[in-house]
Amino acid sequence: MSEVTTGLTWSVIEARGEEAKSFLQGQLSQDLDAVGDEGAWSLVLAPDSVVTAICFLRVRDDGVDLVVARELAERTLARLRRFLLRTKCTLELHDVDSGPFTTVAEQIDASWPGVIEIERSLTPHTFGRHFVDKTISFQKGCFTGQELVGRLDARGSSVPWRFVRVEGPSGVVIDEYLKSKGPDGPQGITSSVDRDGRVVGLGVAHRTLIGSESPSGVTVEEVH
């Protein structure tokens, strides 16, 4: 199999201090009390519930480590510091050698959104039920962005934009098809790799495109 891969880079935000865990409990979508030794995925959301970053959490004795894509690390740190008022918690950012995925290909195979997908300013339910279940606790209580996410979840999680797996003869053909339905927005191919002369990747489509007839050689499957 011929495959072009792109490496991923990661950073860690180290939250330390006697109020670090309580502070992050109000900022992260995951319930820190439920995170085991294996760690867990979580989201940092904007107040309007748009995903700022996806992070992988590890709870330490003296705080919490948040592993995030390096390209999103500075803005994630800034978003957390925005709410860090009169709190006994420090946040320090460091680059690390590895993270949850090594290459873009691994991320695509896992149907998991990365930097490019997050930069499209989408809400969690866009990425499917599996993603929401992995990253959000609806039992933990309030956190930034929780009200809108919870309301949408209670109403059936219907969103206009859908996260999709795609395959086709070229990125251009796939991209044109993904942009062929719906209003102007975040749709299009986002991440891709070449495999045996075919392009395999991830993208965003309007819900009106799901299930419609696609061009010859192009497949689009919603990520649930």
N, C-alpha and C. Protein backbone atom coordinates (compact mmCIF):
# COMPACT_ATOMS: atom_id res chain seq x y z
N MET A 1 0.84 -1.20 0.00
CA MET A 1 0.00 0.00 0.00
C MET A 1 0.88 1.25 0.00
N SER A 2 0.60 2.17 -0.91
CA SER A 2 1.33 3.43 -0.96
C SER A 2 0.54 4.47 -0.18
N GLU A 3 1.20 5.11 0.74
CA GLU A 3 0.48 6.08 1.57
C GLU A 3 1.39 7.23 1.95
N VAL A 4 0.89 8.46 1.77
CA VAL A 4 1.60 9.65 2.19
C VAL A 4 1.07 10.05 3.57
N THR A 5 1.96 10.12 4.55
CA THR A 5 1.51 10.45 5.91
C THR A 5 2.14 11.74 6.39
N THR A 6 1.45 12.40 7.27
CA THR A 6 1.94 13.64 7.87
C THR A 6 1.97 13.47 9.37
N GLY A 7 3.12 13.78 9.98
CA GLY A 7 3.23 13.64 11.42
C GLY A 7 2.47 14.71 12.17
N LEU A 8 2.05 14.39 13.38
CA LEU A 8 1.33 15.32 14.24
C LEU A 8 2.22 15.74 15.40
N THR A 9 2.04 16.96 15.88
CA THR A 9 2.81 17.46 17.02
C THR A 9 1.86 17.84 18.14
N TRP A 10 2.36 17.70 19.38
CA TRP A 10 1.51 17.85 20.55
C TRP A 10 2.17 18.71 21.62
N SER A 11 1.31 19.30 22.45
CA SER A 11 1.76 20.06 23.62
C SER A 11 0.93 19.62 24.82
N VAL A 12 1.42 19.97 26.00
CA VAL A 12 0.66 19.66 27.21
C VAL A 12 0.49 20.94 28.03
N ILE A 13 -0.73 21.16 28.50
CA ILE A 13 -1.01 22.22 29.46
C ILE A 13 -1.06 21.57 30.83
N GLU A 14 -0.13 21.95 31.69
CA GLU A 14 -0.08 21.39 33.04
C GLU A 14 -0.80 22.34 33.99
N ALA A 15 -1.89 21.84 34.56
CA ALA A 15 -2.65 22.62 35.55
C ALA A 15 -2.27 22.11 36.93
N ARG A 16 -1.77 23.01 37.76
CA ARG A 16 -1.30 22.62 39.09
C ARG A 16 -1.83 23.61 40.14
N GLY A 17 -1.96 23.11 41.36
CA GLY A 17 -2.42 23.95 42.45
C GLY A 17 -3.61 23.32 43.15
N GLU A 18 -3.89 23.80 44.36
CA GLU A 18 -4.93 23.16 45.16
C GLU A 18 -6.32 23.33 44.58
N GLU A 19 -6.52 24.30 43.68
CA GLU A 19 -7.82 24.48 43.05
C GLU A 19 -7.81 24.11 41.57
N ALA A 20 -6.75 23.46 41.11
CA ALA A 20 -6.62 23.12 39.69
C ALA A 20 -7.77 22.23 39.22
N LYS A 21 -8.05 21.19 39.98
CA LYS A 21 -9.09 20.24 39.56
C LYS A 21 -10.48 20.88 39.59
N SER A 22 -10.76 21.63 40.62
CA SER A 22 -12.08 22.26 40.72
C SER A 22 -12.26 23.32 39.63
N PHE A 23 -11.18 24.04 39.30
CA PHE A 23 -11.25 25.02 38.22
C PHE A 23 -11.56 24.33 36.90
N LEU A 24 -10.82 23.28 36.58
CA LEU A 24 -11.01 22.59 35.30
C LEU A 24 -12.34 21.84 35.25
N GLN A 25 -12.85 21.44 36.39
CA GLN A 25 -14.16 20.77 36.40
C GLN A 25 -15.23 21.71 35.84
N GLY A 26 -15.05 22.99 36.00
CA GLY A 26 -15.98 23.97 35.47
C GLY A 26 -15.65 24.45 34.08
N GLN A 27 -14.53 23.99 33.51
CA GLN A 27 -14.10 24.43 32.19
C GLN A 27 -14.10 23.32 31.15
N LEU A 28 -13.93 22.09 31.56
CA LEU A 28 -13.85 20.96 30.64
C LEU A 28 -15.17 20.21 30.57
N SER A 29 -15.42 19.59 29.42
CA SER A 29 -16.68 18.86 29.23
C SER A 29 -16.68 17.48 29.89
N GLN A 30 -15.49 16.98 30.21
CA GLN A 30 -15.38 15.66 30.83
C GLN A 30 -15.46 15.77 32.36
N ASP A 31 -15.99 14.73 32.99
CA ASP A 31 -16.06 14.70 34.45
C ASP A 31 -14.71 14.20 34.99
N LEU A 32 -13.95 15.07 35.61
CA LEU A 32 -12.62 14.69 36.11
C LEU A 32 -12.70 13.60 37.17
N ASP A 33 -13.80 13.55 37.90
CA ASP A 33 -13.94 12.52 38.93
C ASP A 33 -14.10 11.12 38.34
N ALA A 34 -14.42 11.06 37.05
CA ALA A 34 -14.63 9.77 36.40
C ALA A 34 -13.44 9.34 35.55
N VAL A 35 -12.38 10.15 35.49
CA VAL A 35 -11.22 9.82 34.66
C VAL A 35 -10.34 8.82 35.39
N GLY A 36 -10.12 7.66 34.78
CA GLY A 36 -9.29 6.63 35.38
C GLY A 36 -7.84 6.76 35.00
N ASP A 37 -7.06 5.76 35.36
CA ASP A 37 -5.62 5.79 35.07
C ASP A 37 -5.32 5.81 33.58
N GLU A 38 -6.25 5.32 32.77
CA GLU A 38 -6.03 5.28 31.33
C GLU A 38 -6.23 6.63 30.65
N GLY A 39 -6.76 7.62 31.40
CA GLY A 39 -7.01 8.93 30.83
C GLY A 39 -8.35 8.99 30.11
N ALA A 40 -8.69 10.15 29.56
CA ALA A 40 -9.97 10.31 28.87
C ALA A 40 -9.92 11.54 27.97
N TRP A 41 -10.76 11.52 26.96
CA TRP A 41 -10.91 12.66 26.06
C TRP A 41 -11.83 13.72 26.69
N SER A 42 -11.58 14.97 26.35
CA SER A 42 -12.44 16.05 26.80
C SER A 42 -12.39 17.18 25.78
N LEU A 43 -13.30 18.13 25.94
CA LEU A 43 -13.34 19.30 25.08
C LEU A 43 -13.16 20.56 25.91
N VAL A 44 -12.54 21.54 25.29
CA VAL A 44 -12.56 22.90 25.80
C VAL A 44 -13.48 23.66 24.86
N LEU A 45 -14.58 24.17 25.38
CA LEU A 45 -15.58 24.83 24.56
C LEU A 45 -15.58 26.34 24.79
N ALA A 46 -15.96 27.07 23.76
CA ALA A 46 -16.25 28.50 23.91
C ALA A 46 -17.62 28.62 24.57
N PRO A 47 -17.96 29.78 25.11
CA PRO A 47 -19.27 29.93 25.74
C PRO A 47 -20.44 29.60 24.82
N ASP A 48 -20.26 29.78 23.50
CA ASP A 48 -21.34 29.46 22.56
C ASP A 48 -21.32 27.99 22.13
N SER A 49 -20.51 27.17 22.79
CA SER A 49 -20.40 25.72 22.61
C SER A 49 -19.58 25.29 21.41
N VAL A 50 -18.98 26.22 20.69
CA VAL A 50 -18.06 25.85 19.61
C VAL A 50 -16.81 25.22 20.22
N VAL A 51 -16.30 24.17 19.58
CA VAL A 51 -15.13 23.47 20.11
C VAL A 51 -13.87 24.31 19.91
N THR A 52 -13.22 24.66 21.01
CA THR A 52 -11.93 25.35 20.96
C THR A 52 -10.80 24.36 20.77
N ALA A 53 -10.88 23.23 21.46
CA ALA A 53 -9.84 22.20 21.36
C ALA A 53 -10.37 20.87 21.88
N ILE A 54 -9.79 19.81 21.35
CA ILE A 54 -9.97 18.46 21.90
C ILE A 54 -8.71 18.15 22.68
N CYS A 55 -8.84 17.65 23.88
CA CYS A 55 -7.65 17.34 24.67
C CYS A 55 -7.78 15.95 25.28
N PHE A 56 -6.64 15.36 25.55
CA PHE A 56 -6.62 14.08 26.24
C PHE A 56 -6.12 14.34 27.66
N LEU A 57 -6.91 13.93 28.64
CA LEU A 57 -6.66 14.26 30.04
C LEU A 57 -5.98 13.12 30.79
N ARG A 58 -5.07 13.52 31.66
CA ARG A 58 -4.55 12.60 32.67
C ARG A 58 -4.57 13.35 34.00
N VAL A 59 -5.26 12.77 34.97
CA VAL A 59 -5.36 13.37 36.28
C VAL A 59 -4.15 12.96 37.11
N ARG A 60 -3.46 13.96 37.66
CA ARG A 60 -2.28 13.72 38.51
C ARG A 60 -2.63 14.00 39.97
N ASP A 61 -1.74 13.63 40.87
CA ASP A 61 -1.98 13.88 42.29
C ASP A 61 -2.10 15.37 42.58
N ASP A 62 -1.34 16.18 41.84
CA ASP A 62 -1.31 17.61 42.11
C ASP A 62 -1.96 18.44 41.02
N GLY A 63 -2.74 17.81 40.15
CA GLY A 63 -3.40 18.58 39.10
C GLY A 63 -3.82 17.73 37.92
N VAL A 64 -3.83 18.34 36.76
CA VAL A 64 -4.30 17.68 35.55
C VAL A 64 -3.40 18.06 34.38
N ASP A 65 -3.11 17.08 33.51
CA ASP A 65 -2.39 17.34 32.26
C ASP A 65 -3.39 17.28 31.11
N LEU A 66 -3.33 18.29 30.24
CA LEU A 66 -4.20 18.34 29.06
C LEU A 66 -3.30 18.28 27.83
N VAL A 67 -3.32 17.17 27.11
CA VAL A 67 -2.53 17.05 25.89
C VAL A 67 -3.38 17.54 24.72
N VAL A 68 -2.86 18.53 23.99
CA VAL A 68 -3.59 19.15 22.88
C VAL A 68 -2.69 19.24 21.67
N ALA A 69 -3.29 19.33 20.49
CA ALA A 69 -2.53 19.56 19.28
C ALA A 69 -1.74 20.84 19.41
N ARG A 70 -0.48 20.81 19.02
CA ARG A 70 0.40 21.97 19.24
C ARG A 70 -0.14 23.23 18.57
N GLU A 71 -0.77 23.09 17.41
CA GLU A 71 -1.28 24.25 16.70
C GLU A 71 -2.42 24.95 17.46
N LEU A 72 -3.08 24.21 18.35
CA LEU A 72 -4.20 24.78 19.11
C LEU A 72 -3.83 25.09 20.55
N ALA A 73 -2.60 24.84 20.93
CA ALA A 73 -2.21 24.93 22.34
C ALA A 73 -2.30 26.35 22.88
N GLU A 74 -1.78 27.32 22.14
CA GLU A 74 -1.76 28.70 22.64
C GLU A 74 -3.18 29.24 22.82
N ARG A 75 -4.04 28.98 21.85
CA ARG A 75 -5.40 29.51 21.98
C ARG A 75 -6.18 28.78 23.06
N THR A 76 -5.87 27.50 23.28
CA THR A 76 -6.52 26.76 24.37
C THR A 76 -6.09 27.32 25.71
N LEU A 77 -4.80 27.58 25.84
CA LEU A 77 -4.28 28.18 27.08
C LEU A 77 -4.93 29.54 27.33
N ALA A 78 -5.03 30.35 26.29
CA ALA A 78 -5.64 31.68 26.43
C ALA A 78 -7.11 31.56 26.83
N ARG A 79 -7.82 30.61 26.24
CA ARG A 79 -9.22 30.41 26.59
C ARG A 79 -9.37 30.02 28.06
N LEU A 80 -8.52 29.13 28.57
CA LEU A 80 -8.60 28.73 29.98
C LEU A 80 -8.24 29.89 30.89
N ARG A 81 -7.20 30.62 30.55
CA ARG A 81 -6.76 31.74 31.39
C ARG A 81 -7.80 32.84 31.46
N ARG A 82 -8.64 32.92 30.46
CA ARG A 82 -9.71 33.92 30.45
C ARG A 82 -10.61 33.79 31.67
N PHE A 83 -10.78 32.56 32.17
CA PHE A 83 -11.66 32.30 33.30
C PHE A 83 -10.89 32.02 34.60
N LEU A 84 -9.59 32.16 34.55
CA LEU A 84 -8.75 31.85 35.72
C LEU A 84 -8.61 33.10 36.58
N LEU A 85 -9.62 33.37 37.39
CA LEU A 85 -9.67 34.58 38.19
C LEU A 85 -9.65 34.23 39.68
N ARG A 86 -8.67 34.77 40.38
CA ARG A 86 -8.55 34.57 41.84
C ARG A 86 -8.68 33.08 42.18
N THR A 87 -7.95 32.26 41.42
CA THR A 87 -8.00 30.81 41.60
C THR A 87 -6.60 30.29 41.87
N LYS A 88 -6.47 29.39 42.83
CA LYS A 88 -5.16 28.83 43.16
C LYS A 88 -4.83 27.70 42.18
N CYS A 89 -4.49 28.14 40.99
CA CYS A 89 -4.18 27.20 39.91
C CYS A 89 -3.23 27.88 38.95
N THR A 90 -2.18 27.18 38.56
CA THR A 90 -1.27 27.69 37.54
C THR A 90 -1.41 26.83 36.28
N LEU A 91 -1.22 27.47 35.13
CA LEU A 91 -1.28 26.78 33.84
C LEU A 91 0.02 27.02 33.10
N GLU A 92 0.73 25.94 32.78
CA GLU A 92 1.99 26.05 32.06
C GLU A 92 1.94 25.18 30.81
N LEU A 93 2.49 25.72 29.72
CA LEU A 93 2.44 25.04 28.43
C LEU A 93 3.82 24.53 28.05
N HIS A 94 3.89 23.25 27.64
CA HIS A 94 5.14 22.64 27.21
C HIS A 94 4.89 21.78 25.98
N ASP A 95 5.86 21.73 25.09
CA ASP A 95 5.80 20.79 23.98
C ASP A 95 6.15 19.39 24.47
N VAL A 96 5.53 18.39 23.87
CA VAL A 96 5.82 16.99 24.21
C VAL A 96 6.11 16.21 22.93
N ASP A 97 6.74 15.06 23.10
CA ASP A 97 7.20 14.28 21.95
C ASP A 97 6.10 13.46 21.29
N SER A 98 5.04 13.15 22.02
CA SER A 98 4.01 12.28 21.45
C SER A 98 2.64 12.63 22.02
N GLY A 99 1.61 12.14 21.33
CA GLY A 99 0.25 12.37 21.78
C GLY A 99 -0.66 11.23 21.38
N PRO A 100 -1.97 11.43 21.38
CA PRO A 100 -2.91 10.34 21.11
C PRO A 100 -2.76 9.71 19.72
N PHE A 101 -2.36 10.52 18.72
CA PHE A 101 -2.13 10.01 17.37
C PHE A 101 -0.75 10.44 16.91
N THR A 102 -0.13 9.59 16.09
CA THR A 102 1.20 9.90 15.57
C THR A 102 1.13 10.59 14.22
N THR A 103 0.18 10.17 13.37
CA THR A 103 0.07 10.70 12.02
C THR A 103 -1.37 11.08 11.70
N VAL A 104 -1.53 11.88 10.65
CA VAL A 104 -2.86 12.21 10.16
C VAL A 104 -3.60 10.95 9.72
N ALA A 105 -2.88 9.99 9.15
CA ALA A 105 -3.49 8.74 8.71
C ALA A 105 -4.15 8.01 9.88
N GLU A 106 -3.48 7.96 11.03
CA GLU A 106 -4.06 7.32 12.21
C GLU A 106 -5.35 8.02 12.64
N GLN A 107 -5.31 9.34 12.61
CA GLN A 107 -6.48 10.13 13.00
C GLN A 107 -7.65 9.87 12.05
N ILE A 108 -7.36 9.80 10.74
CA ILE A 108 -8.41 9.53 9.76
C ILE A 108 -8.99 8.14 9.97
N ASP A 109 -8.13 7.15 10.19
CA ASP A 109 -8.61 5.79 10.40
C ASP A 109 -9.50 5.68 11.63
N ALA A 110 -9.25 6.55 12.61
CA ALA A 110 -10.06 6.56 13.83
C ALA A 110 -11.32 7.41 13.67
N SER A 111 -11.48 8.07 12.51
CA SER A 111 -12.61 8.99 12.29
C SER A 111 -12.68 10.03 13.40
N TRP A 112 -11.53 10.58 13.75
CA TRP A 112 -11.44 11.52 14.86
C TRP A 112 -11.01 12.89 14.34
N PRO A 113 -11.71 13.95 14.70
CA PRO A 113 -11.34 15.28 14.20
C PRO A 113 -10.01 15.76 14.74
N GLY A 114 -9.30 16.52 13.91
CA GLY A 114 -8.02 17.10 14.29
C GLY A 114 -8.04 18.60 14.16
N VAL A 115 -6.87 19.17 13.97
CA VAL A 115 -6.73 20.63 13.96
C VAL A 115 -7.60 21.28 12.88
N ILE A 116 -7.53 20.77 11.66
CA ILE A 116 -8.26 21.40 10.56
C ILE A 116 -9.76 21.37 10.81
N GLU A 117 -10.25 20.26 11.30
CA GLU A 117 -11.68 20.15 11.60
C GLU A 117 -12.10 21.11 12.71
N ILE A 118 -11.29 21.22 13.75
CA ILE A 118 -11.61 22.13 14.86
C ILE A 118 -11.59 23.58 14.40
N GLU A 119 -10.71 23.91 13.48
CA GLU A 119 -10.62 25.29 13.00
C GLU A 119 -11.82 25.70 12.15
N ARG A 120 -12.73 24.78 11.86
CA ARG A 120 -13.95 25.12 11.13
C ARG A 120 -15.04 25.67 12.05
N SER A 121 -14.74 25.81 13.35
CA SER A 121 -15.66 26.42 14.33
C SER A 121 -17.00 25.68 14.38
N LEU A 122 -16.93 24.41 14.71
CA LEU A 122 -18.11 23.56 14.77
C LEU A 122 -18.45 23.18 16.22
N THR A 123 -19.67 22.75 16.43
CA THR A 123 -20.10 22.33 17.76
C THR A 123 -19.93 20.81 17.90
N PRO A 124 -19.89 20.29 19.12
CA PRO A 124 -19.58 18.87 19.33
C PRO A 124 -20.46 17.89 18.56
N HIS A 125 -21.76 18.14 18.49
CA HIS A 125 -22.65 17.17 17.86
C HIS A 125 -22.41 17.03 16.36
N THR A 126 -21.73 17.99 15.75
CA THR A 126 -21.34 17.85 14.35
C THR A 126 -20.53 16.58 14.14
N PHE A 127 -19.72 16.21 15.12
CA PHE A 127 -18.77 15.11 14.96
C PHE A 127 -19.36 13.74 15.31
N GLY A 128 -20.63 13.68 15.62
CA GLY A 128 -21.29 12.40 15.80
C GLY A 128 -21.49 11.98 17.24
N ARG A 129 -22.39 11.01 17.43
CA ARG A 129 -22.75 10.54 18.76
C ARG A 129 -21.57 9.92 19.49
N HIS A 130 -20.77 9.13 18.78
CA HIS A 130 -19.62 8.48 19.41
C HIS A 130 -18.68 9.52 19.99
N PHE A 131 -18.44 10.58 19.22
CA PHE A 131 -17.55 11.65 19.67
C PHE A 131 -18.12 12.32 20.93
N VAL A 132 -19.39 12.65 20.91
CA VAL A 132 -20.03 13.29 22.06
C VAL A 132 -19.94 12.40 23.29
N ASP A 133 -20.23 11.11 23.13
CA ASP A 133 -20.18 10.19 24.26
C ASP A 133 -18.78 10.05 24.84
N LYS A 134 -17.76 10.16 24.00
CA LYS A 134 -16.37 10.02 24.44
C LYS A 134 -15.84 11.27 25.15
N THR A 135 -16.42 12.42 24.85
CA THR A 135 -15.81 13.67 25.31
C THR A 135 -16.64 14.48 26.31
N ILE A 136 -17.93 14.17 26.44
CA ILE A 136 -18.81 15.02 27.25
C ILE A 136 -19.54 14.20 28.31
N SER A 137 -19.57 14.73 29.52
CA SER A 137 -20.40 14.18 30.58
C SER A 137 -21.59 15.12 30.79
N PHE A 138 -22.79 14.58 30.69
CA PHE A 138 -23.99 15.39 30.93
C PHE A 138 -24.49 15.23 32.37
N GLN A 139 -23.72 14.51 33.20
CA GLN A 139 -24.10 14.32 34.59
C GLN A 139 -23.25 15.14 35.56
N LYS A 140 -22.18 15.72 35.09
CA LYS A 140 -21.21 16.33 35.99
C LYS A 140 -21.63 17.70 36.52
N GLY A 141 -22.60 18.33 35.91
CA GLY A 141 -22.95 19.68 36.31
C GLY A 141 -22.46 20.70 35.30
N CYS A 142 -22.42 21.94 35.69
CA CYS A 142 -22.15 23.03 34.74
C CYS A 142 -20.68 23.11 34.35
N PHE A 143 -20.47 23.45 33.09
CA PHE A 143 -19.15 23.81 32.58
C PHE A 143 -19.36 24.80 31.44
N THR A 144 -18.35 25.53 31.08
CA THR A 144 -18.47 26.55 30.04
C THR A 144 -18.91 25.91 28.73
N GLY A 145 -19.98 26.41 28.16
CA GLY A 145 -20.54 25.87 26.93
C GLY A 145 -21.58 24.79 27.15
N GLN A 146 -21.78 24.40 28.40
CA GLN A 146 -22.65 23.25 28.71
C GLN A 146 -24.12 23.51 28.37
N GLU A 147 -24.60 24.72 28.60
CA GLU A 147 -26.03 24.98 28.44
C GLU A 147 -26.50 24.71 27.02
N LEU A 148 -25.78 25.23 26.03
CA LEU A 148 -26.20 25.05 24.65
C LEU A 148 -26.00 23.62 24.19
N VAL A 149 -24.90 22.99 24.61
CA VAL A 149 -24.66 21.60 24.24
C VAL A 149 -25.73 20.69 24.84
N GLY A 150 -26.05 20.91 26.10
CA GLY A 150 -27.07 20.10 26.76
C GLY A 150 -28.44 20.28 26.14
N ARG A 151 -28.76 21.50 25.77
CA ARG A 151 -30.07 21.77 25.15
C ARG A 151 -30.18 21.05 23.81
N LEU A 152 -29.10 21.12 23.01
CA LEU A 152 -29.11 20.45 21.71
C LEU A 152 -29.21 18.94 21.88
N ASP A 153 -28.50 18.40 22.85
CA ASP A 153 -28.55 16.95 23.07
C ASP A 153 -29.95 16.51 23.46
N ALA A 154 -30.61 17.30 24.28
CA ALA A 154 -31.96 16.95 24.72
C ALA A 154 -32.98 17.03 23.60
N ARG A 155 -32.65 17.81 22.56
CA ARG A 155 -33.59 17.99 21.45
C ARG A 155 -33.27 17.10 20.25
N GLY A 156 -32.42 16.10 20.46
CA GLY A 156 -32.18 15.14 19.40
C GLY A 156 -30.92 15.32 18.60
N SER A 157 -30.10 16.29 18.96
CA SER A 157 -28.76 16.44 18.38
C SER A 157 -28.77 16.73 16.88
N SER A 158 -29.83 17.34 16.36
CA SER A 158 -29.89 17.63 14.93
C SER A 158 -29.12 18.90 14.61
N VAL A 159 -28.07 18.76 13.82
CA VAL A 159 -27.23 19.90 13.46
C VAL A 159 -27.13 19.97 11.93
N PRO A 160 -26.92 21.16 11.37
CA PRO A 160 -26.87 21.29 9.91
C PRO A 160 -25.63 20.71 9.26
N TRP A 161 -24.51 20.72 10.00
CA TRP A 161 -23.25 20.25 9.42
C TRP A 161 -22.89 18.89 10.00
N ARG A 162 -22.40 17.99 9.12
CA ARG A 162 -22.12 16.62 9.51
C ARG A 162 -20.67 16.26 9.18
N PHE A 163 -20.06 15.55 10.10
CA PHE A 163 -18.69 15.06 9.95
C PHE A 163 -18.74 13.76 9.14
N VAL A 164 -17.93 13.67 8.09
CA VAL A 164 -18.03 12.52 7.18
C VAL A 164 -16.66 11.93 6.87
N ARG A 165 -16.68 10.61 6.57
CA ARG A 165 -15.54 9.93 5.98
C ARG A 165 -15.73 9.95 4.47
N VAL A 166 -14.66 10.18 3.73
CA VAL A 166 -14.78 10.31 2.28
C VAL A 166 -13.71 9.49 1.59
N GLU A 167 -14.02 9.11 0.36
CA GLU A 167 -13.04 8.44 -0.49
C GLU A 167 -13.37 8.79 -1.93
N GLY A 168 -12.33 9.00 -2.74
CA GLY A 168 -12.57 9.34 -4.12
C GLY A 168 -11.30 9.39 -4.93
N PRO A 169 -11.42 9.72 -6.22
CA PRO A 169 -10.25 9.73 -7.09
C PRO A 169 -9.29 10.89 -6.83
N SER A 170 -9.79 11.98 -6.26
CA SER A 170 -8.92 13.13 -5.96
C SER A 170 -9.57 14.00 -4.91
N GLY A 171 -8.73 14.79 -4.23
CA GLY A 171 -9.26 15.71 -3.25
C GLY A 171 -10.14 16.77 -3.87
N VAL A 172 -9.82 17.20 -5.08
CA VAL A 172 -10.61 18.24 -5.76
C VAL A 172 -12.02 17.75 -6.04
N VAL A 173 -12.15 16.52 -6.56
CA VAL A 173 -13.47 15.97 -6.87
C VAL A 173 -14.30 15.82 -5.60
N ILE A 174 -13.68 15.30 -4.54
CA ILE A 174 -14.40 15.14 -3.27
C ILE A 174 -14.84 16.50 -2.73
N ASP A 175 -13.93 17.46 -2.73
CA ASP A 175 -14.23 18.78 -2.18
C ASP A 175 -15.38 19.44 -2.93
N GLU A 176 -15.37 19.34 -4.25
CA GLU A 176 -16.45 19.94 -5.05
C GLU A 176 -17.79 19.31 -4.71
N TYR A 177 -17.80 18.00 -4.51
CA TYR A 177 -19.06 17.34 -4.17
C TYR A 177 -19.55 17.75 -2.79
N LEU A 178 -18.65 17.80 -1.81
CA LEU A 178 -19.06 18.19 -0.45
C LEU A 178 -19.60 19.62 -0.41
N LYS A 179 -19.18 20.45 -1.33
CA LYS A 179 -19.63 21.84 -1.37
C LYS A 179 -20.83 22.06 -2.29
N SER A 180 -21.36 20.96 -2.85
CA SER A 180 -22.41 21.09 -3.85
C SER A 180 -23.80 21.28 -3.27
N LYS A 181 -23.96 21.06 -1.97
CA LYS A 181 -25.28 21.22 -1.33
C LYS A 181 -25.16 22.03 -0.06
N GLY A 182 -26.24 22.76 0.24
CA GLY A 182 -26.27 23.57 1.45
C GLY A 182 -25.76 24.98 1.22
N PRO A 183 -25.96 25.84 2.20
CA PRO A 183 -25.46 27.22 2.11
C PRO A 183 -23.94 27.25 2.25
N ASP A 184 -23.35 28.39 1.91
CA ASP A 184 -21.92 28.54 2.12
C ASP A 184 -21.61 28.36 3.61
N GLY A 185 -20.56 27.58 3.89
CA GLY A 185 -20.23 27.31 5.28
C GLY A 185 -18.94 26.55 5.40
N PRO A 186 -18.81 25.71 6.41
CA PRO A 186 -17.56 25.02 6.70
C PRO A 186 -17.34 23.74 5.89
N GLN A 187 -18.25 23.43 4.96
CA GLN A 187 -18.16 22.14 4.28
C GLN A 187 -16.95 22.06 3.35
N GLY A 188 -16.53 20.81 3.10
CA GLY A 188 -15.39 20.54 2.24
C GLY A 188 -14.52 19.45 2.83
N ILE A 189 -13.57 18.98 2.05
CA ILE A 189 -12.62 17.99 2.56
C ILE A 189 -11.67 18.68 3.52
N THR A 190 -11.33 18.00 4.59
CA THR A 190 -10.49 18.63 5.62
C THR A 190 -9.14 17.93 5.74
N SER A 191 -9.13 16.66 6.07
CA SER A 191 -7.89 15.89 6.21
C SER A 191 -7.91 14.73 5.23
N SER A 192 -6.76 14.40 4.62
CA SER A 192 -6.74 13.31 3.66
C SER A 192 -5.36 12.69 3.53
N VAL A 193 -5.34 11.45 3.03
CA VAL A 193 -4.11 10.76 2.67
C VAL A 193 -4.35 10.06 1.34
N ASP A 194 -3.27 9.80 0.61
CA ASP A 194 -3.34 9.07 -0.65
C ASP A 194 -3.04 7.60 -0.40
N ARG A 195 -3.94 6.73 -0.88
CA ARG A 195 -3.75 5.30 -0.73
C ARG A 195 -4.02 4.60 -2.06
N ASP A 196 -2.98 4.04 -2.62
CA ASP A 196 -3.12 3.29 -3.87
C ASP A 196 -3.85 4.09 -4.95
N GLY A 197 -3.48 5.34 -5.09
CA GLY A 197 -4.07 6.16 -6.13
C GLY A 197 -5.45 6.72 -5.79
N ARG A 198 -5.92 6.49 -4.59
CA ARG A 198 -7.21 7.02 -4.13
C ARG A 198 -6.98 7.95 -2.96
N VAL A 199 -7.88 8.88 -2.77
CA VAL A 199 -7.82 9.79 -1.63
C VAL A 199 -8.82 9.33 -0.59
N VAL A 200 -8.36 9.15 0.63
CA VAL A 200 -9.20 8.76 1.76
C VAL A 200 -9.08 9.87 2.81
N GLY A 201 -10.19 10.28 3.36
CA GLY A 201 -10.08 11.37 4.32
C GLY A 201 -11.33 11.65 5.11
N LEU A 202 -11.35 12.84 5.67
CA LEU A 202 -12.46 13.33 6.48
C LEU A 202 -12.93 14.66 5.90
N GLY A 203 -14.16 15.01 6.21
CA GLY A 203 -14.68 16.27 5.72
C GLY A 203 -15.93 16.68 6.46
N VAL A 204 -16.50 17.77 6.01
CA VAL A 204 -17.75 18.30 6.58
C VAL A 204 -18.73 18.50 5.43
N ALA A 205 -19.96 18.05 5.63
CA ALA A 205 -21.01 18.18 4.62
C ALA A 205 -22.27 18.74 5.24
N HIS A 206 -23.09 19.39 4.43
CA HIS A 206 -24.41 19.81 4.89
C HIS A 206 -25.31 18.59 4.96
N ARG A 207 -26.25 18.60 5.88
CA ARG A 207 -27.10 17.42 6.08
C ARG A 207 -27.90 17.06 4.83
N THR A 208 -28.17 18.02 3.93
CA THR A 208 -28.92 17.72 2.72
C THR A 208 -28.12 16.88 1.73
N LEU A 209 -26.81 16.80 1.92
CA LEU A 209 -25.98 15.98 1.03
C LEU A 209 -25.97 14.52 1.45
N ILE A 210 -26.19 14.26 2.74
CA ILE A 210 -26.12 12.89 3.25
C ILE A 210 -27.17 12.02 2.56
N GLY A 211 -26.73 10.93 1.94
CA GLY A 211 -27.65 10.03 1.27
C GLY A 211 -27.96 10.39 -0.16
N SER A 212 -27.46 11.52 -0.65
CA SER A 212 -27.71 11.89 -2.04
C SER A 212 -26.78 11.13 -2.98
N GLU A 213 -27.09 11.12 -4.24
CA GLU A 213 -26.28 10.40 -5.22
C GLU A 213 -24.96 11.12 -5.43
N SER A 214 -23.87 10.40 -5.31
CA SER A 214 -22.54 11.01 -5.43
C SER A 214 -21.94 10.72 -6.80
N PRO A 215 -20.94 11.50 -7.20
CA PRO A 215 -20.28 11.25 -8.48
C PRO A 215 -19.64 9.86 -8.50
N SER A 216 -19.40 9.35 -9.67
CA SER A 216 -18.79 8.03 -9.82
C SER A 216 -17.45 7.98 -9.10
N GLY A 217 -17.27 6.95 -8.27
CA GLY A 217 -16.00 6.77 -7.58
C GLY A 217 -15.87 7.51 -6.28
N VAL A 218 -16.89 8.27 -5.86
CA VAL A 218 -16.85 9.04 -4.62
C VAL A 218 -17.81 8.42 -3.61
N THR A 219 -17.33 8.19 -2.41
CA THR A 219 -18.19 7.70 -1.34
C THR A 219 -18.12 8.67 -0.17
N VAL A 220 -19.25 8.91 0.45
CA VAL A 220 -19.35 9.79 1.62
C VAL A 220 -20.17 9.07 2.67
N GLU A 221 -19.62 8.93 3.87
CA GLU A 221 -20.31 8.23 4.95
C GLU A 221 -20.29 9.09 6.20
N GLU A 222 -21.45 9.38 6.73
CA GLU A 222 -21.52 10.18 7.95
C GLU A 222 -20.90 9.43 9.13
N VAL A 223 -20.14 10.13 9.93
CA VAL A 223 -19.54 9.55 11.13
C VAL A 223 -20.55 9.69 12.26
N HIS A 224 -20.98 8.56 12.79
CA HIS A 224 -22.02 8.57 13.85
C HIS A 224 -21.36 8.47 15.23
